[in-house]
Protein backbone atom coordinates (compact mmCIF):
# COMPACT_ATOMS: atom_id res chain seq x y z
CA UNK A 1 36.91 18.57 -84.73
CA UNK A 2 38.65 21.97 -85.63
CA UNK A 3 39.56 22.58 -88.83
CA UNK A 4 42.30 25.02 -89.57
CA UNK A 5 44.18 26.41 -92.17
CA UNK A 6 47.62 25.92 -92.73
CA UNK A 7 50.73 26.70 -95.38
CA UNK A 8 50.86 24.18 -98.19
CA UNK A 9 54.10 23.51 -97.32
CA UNK A 10 53.30 22.81 -93.34
CA UNK A 11 50.64 20.08 -94.99
CA UNK A 12 52.88 18.70 -96.97
CA UNK A 13 55.49 18.18 -94.02
CA UNK A 14 52.50 16.80 -91.85
CA UNK A 15 51.87 14.60 -94.97
CA UNK A 16 55.55 13.27 -95.56
CA UNK A 17 55.60 12.79 -91.01
CA UNK A 18 52.51 10.54 -91.02
CA UNK A 19 53.72 8.87 -94.53
CA UNK A 20 57.07 8.08 -92.31
CA UNK A 21 55.78 7.07 -89.50
CA UNK A 22 51.58 6.29 -89.28
CA UNK A 23 51.61 6.81 -85.28
CA UNK A 24 53.47 9.90 -85.32
CA UNK A 25 51.51 12.84 -83.27
CA UNK A 26 50.16 16.37 -84.13
CA UNK A 27 49.72 18.50 -80.99
CA UNK A 28 46.73 21.56 -81.25
CA UNK A 29 46.87 24.18 -78.84
CA UNK A 30 43.81 26.23 -78.91
CA UNK A 31 45.11 29.14 -76.78
CA UNK A 32 47.84 29.49 -78.42
CA UNK A 33 46.69 28.92 -81.97
CA UNK A 34 49.28 26.84 -83.03
CA UNK A 35 49.59 23.54 -84.61
CA UNK A 36 52.61 21.48 -84.12
CA UNK A 37 54.18 18.37 -85.88
CA UNK A 38 55.58 16.53 -82.70
CA UNK A 39 57.92 14.57 -85.80
CA UNK A 40 59.91 17.64 -86.80
CA UNK A 41 59.21 20.39 -84.12
CA UNK A 42 57.30 22.61 -86.31
CA UNK A 43 54.55 24.81 -85.80
CA UNK A 44 52.31 27.22 -87.62
CA UNK A 45 50.10 29.71 -85.95
CA UNK A 46 46.22 29.34 -87.48
CA UNK A 47 43.29 31.90 -86.94
CA UNK A 48 40.16 31.14 -85.43
CA UNK A 49 36.85 33.05 -84.27
CA UNK A 50 37.40 33.72 -80.82
CA UNK A 51 33.60 33.07 -80.09
CA UNK A 52 34.28 29.85 -81.33
CA UNK A 53 37.68 29.58 -79.29
CA UNK A 54 35.42 30.74 -76.55
CA UNK A 55 33.15 27.95 -76.58
CA UNK A 56 35.66 25.33 -77.64
CA UNK A 57 37.72 26.29 -74.95
CA UNK A 58 35.16 25.94 -72.48
CA UNK A 59 33.03 23.01 -73.48
CA UNK A 60 29.98 25.16 -74.64
CA UNK A 61 27.74 24.60 -78.03
CA UNK A 62 25.72 27.72 -78.99
CA UNK A 63 22.93 26.93 -76.61
CA UNK A 64 24.94 26.56 -73.84
CA UNK A 65 26.59 29.82 -74.58
CA UNK A 66 23.77 31.54 -74.69
CA UNK A 67 22.17 29.62 -71.25
CA UNK A 68 25.81 31.15 -69.71
CA UNK A 69 24.57 34.55 -70.61
CA UNK A 70 21.07 34.06 -69.74
CA UNK A 71 21.57 37.01 -66.91
CA UNK A 72 23.05 39.21 -69.32
CA UNK A 73 20.53 38.52 -72.16
CA UNK A 74 17.61 39.41 -69.38
CA UNK A 75 19.00 42.33 -68.14
CA UNK A 76 19.41 43.60 -71.83
CA UNK A 77 15.61 42.70 -72.29
CA UNK A 78 14.23 44.52 -69.47
CA UNK A 79 16.51 47.75 -71.18
CA UNK A 80 13.33 47.70 -73.61
CA UNK A 81 15.74 48.15 -76.38
CA UNK A 82 14.37 47.41 -79.42
CA UNK A 83 16.25 45.94 -82.92
CA UNK A 84 14.88 46.78 -86.54
CA UNK A 85 15.60 44.89 -89.18
CA UNK A 86 15.71 46.28 -92.77
CA UNK A 87 15.93 44.59 -95.73
CA UNK A 88 17.50 45.43 -98.88
CA UNK A 89 16.96 42.63 -101.11
CA UNK A 90 14.90 44.45 -103.47
CA UNK A 91 16.96 47.53 -104.09
CA UNK A 92 20.39 45.42 -103.60
CA UNK A 93 18.93 41.92 -104.91
CA UNK A 94 18.93 43.92 -108.52
CA UNK A 95 22.67 44.69 -108.34
CA UNK A 96 23.57 40.81 -108.51
CA UNK A 97 24.54 40.17 -111.62
CA UNK A 98 21.06 38.33 -113.47
CA UNK A 99 18.79 39.59 -111.10
CA UNK A 100 15.78 41.39 -112.03
CA UNK A 101 12.64 41.42 -110.50
CA UNK A 102 9.42 42.72 -112.45
CA UNK A 103 6.71 44.45 -110.36
CA UNK A 104 4.67 42.11 -109.47
CA UNK A 105 7.76 39.97 -108.15
CA UNK A 106 8.59 42.95 -106.25
CA UNK A 107 5.06 43.43 -104.81
CA UNK A 108 5.22 39.76 -103.51
CA UNK A 109 8.86 39.88 -102.35
CA UNK A 110 7.84 42.92 -99.90
CA UNK A 111 4.50 41.91 -98.68
CA UNK A 112 6.13 38.54 -98.01
CA UNK A 113 9.11 40.13 -96.19
CA UNK A 114 6.79 42.92 -94.11
CA UNK A 115 3.51 40.58 -93.59
CA UNK A 116 5.51 36.39 -93.08
CA UNK A 117 8.66 37.49 -91.82
CA UNK A 118 7.92 40.64 -89.98
CA UNK A 119 10.95 42.50 -91.31
CA UNK A 120 10.33 46.49 -89.62
CA UNK A 121 11.72 48.32 -93.37
CA UNK A 122 11.73 47.38 -96.72
CA UNK A 123 14.30 49.38 -98.97
CA UNK A 124 12.11 49.07 -101.92
CA UNK A 125 13.99 50.78 -105.06
CA UNK A 126 15.11 54.62 -106.59
CA UNK A 127 11.59 55.43 -108.08
CA UNK A 128 12.94 57.42 -110.67
CA UNK A 129 15.61 54.57 -112.01
CA UNK A 130 13.25 53.17 -114.70
CA UNK A 131 9.41 52.87 -115.37
CA UNK A 132 9.68 49.36 -114.07
CA UNK A 133 11.14 50.55 -111.05
CA UNK A 134 8.50 53.37 -110.71
CA UNK A 135 5.74 50.96 -111.29
CA UNK A 136 7.00 48.43 -108.58
CA UNK A 137 7.11 51.06 -106.04
CA UNK A 138 3.32 52.54 -106.76
CA UNK A 139 2.03 48.63 -106.94
CA UNK A 140 4.08 48.56 -102.98
CA UNK A 141 2.85 51.67 -101.85
CA UNK A 142 -0.62 51.39 -103.19
CA UNK A 143 -0.76 47.85 -101.21
CA UNK A 144 0.72 49.54 -97.97
CA UNK A 145 -1.60 52.33 -98.20
CA UNK A 146 -4.40 49.88 -97.87
CA UNK A 147 -2.51 47.09 -95.54
CA UNK A 148 -0.65 49.33 -93.41
CA UNK A 149 -1.02 51.67 -89.96
CA UNK A 150 2.05 53.82 -90.57
CA UNK A 151 3.37 54.62 -93.68
CA UNK A 152 7.14 56.94 -93.07
CA UNK A 153 7.19 57.07 -96.74
CA UNK A 154 4.04 58.38 -99.23
CA UNK A 155 4.00 57.57 -102.11
CA UNK A 156 4.34 61.39 -103.18
CA UNK A 157 8.06 60.35 -102.83
CA UNK A 158 8.27 59.05 -106.03
CA UNK A 159 8.63 62.17 -107.91
CA UNK A 160 11.96 63.10 -105.49
CA UNK A 161 13.77 60.40 -107.13
CA UNK A 162 14.92 59.60 -103.35
CA UNK A 163 15.65 55.71 -102.09
CA UNK A 164 11.75 54.55 -100.84
CA UNK A 165 11.87 52.66 -97.87
CA UNK A 166 8.83 51.44 -96.16
CA UNK A 167 8.30 50.80 -92.69
CA UNK A 168 5.14 49.77 -91.21
CA UNK A 169 2.77 47.89 -88.24
CA UNK A 170 0.49 45.77 -89.57
CA UNK A 171 -3.22 46.85 -87.65
CA UNK A 172 -4.38 44.12 -84.68
CA UNK A 173 -7.25 43.11 -86.24
CA UNK A 174 -5.48 42.09 -89.72
């Protein structure tokens, strides 16, 4: 199934044609990205993601696509490229209407992101925004100082008012 977006007028024309002749045909031309009402000859262009179009035209699902690119993926992996993941939940999440974390919730979320999900970097907050933000950043820094091998930003950043970003690697023994 290929869901496509068409104008209301074209959709109404399709329904009218089907009502007049339930056996009428609709042609979907994926390479041209058009849908045609065979009863009236009218066509309309539709948009489709290039990746999805490629997969549909080549009979690939997501796994097949990855397998078809296995050599490219293995070559890329040999290059030693490392992707780092940075999470901004604790910073951007609070910009969402109705969302606010208390300090112990921020600590819990930071620990889950860094320990369980193995996120490389977490943007915590701007320490000078409020007393609550300051306390949350201090709690996270205190925890990180005990658990973490390398802290990119120390708690001395609390007094500067900069955005605190913590990245670390956990010791093998932890």
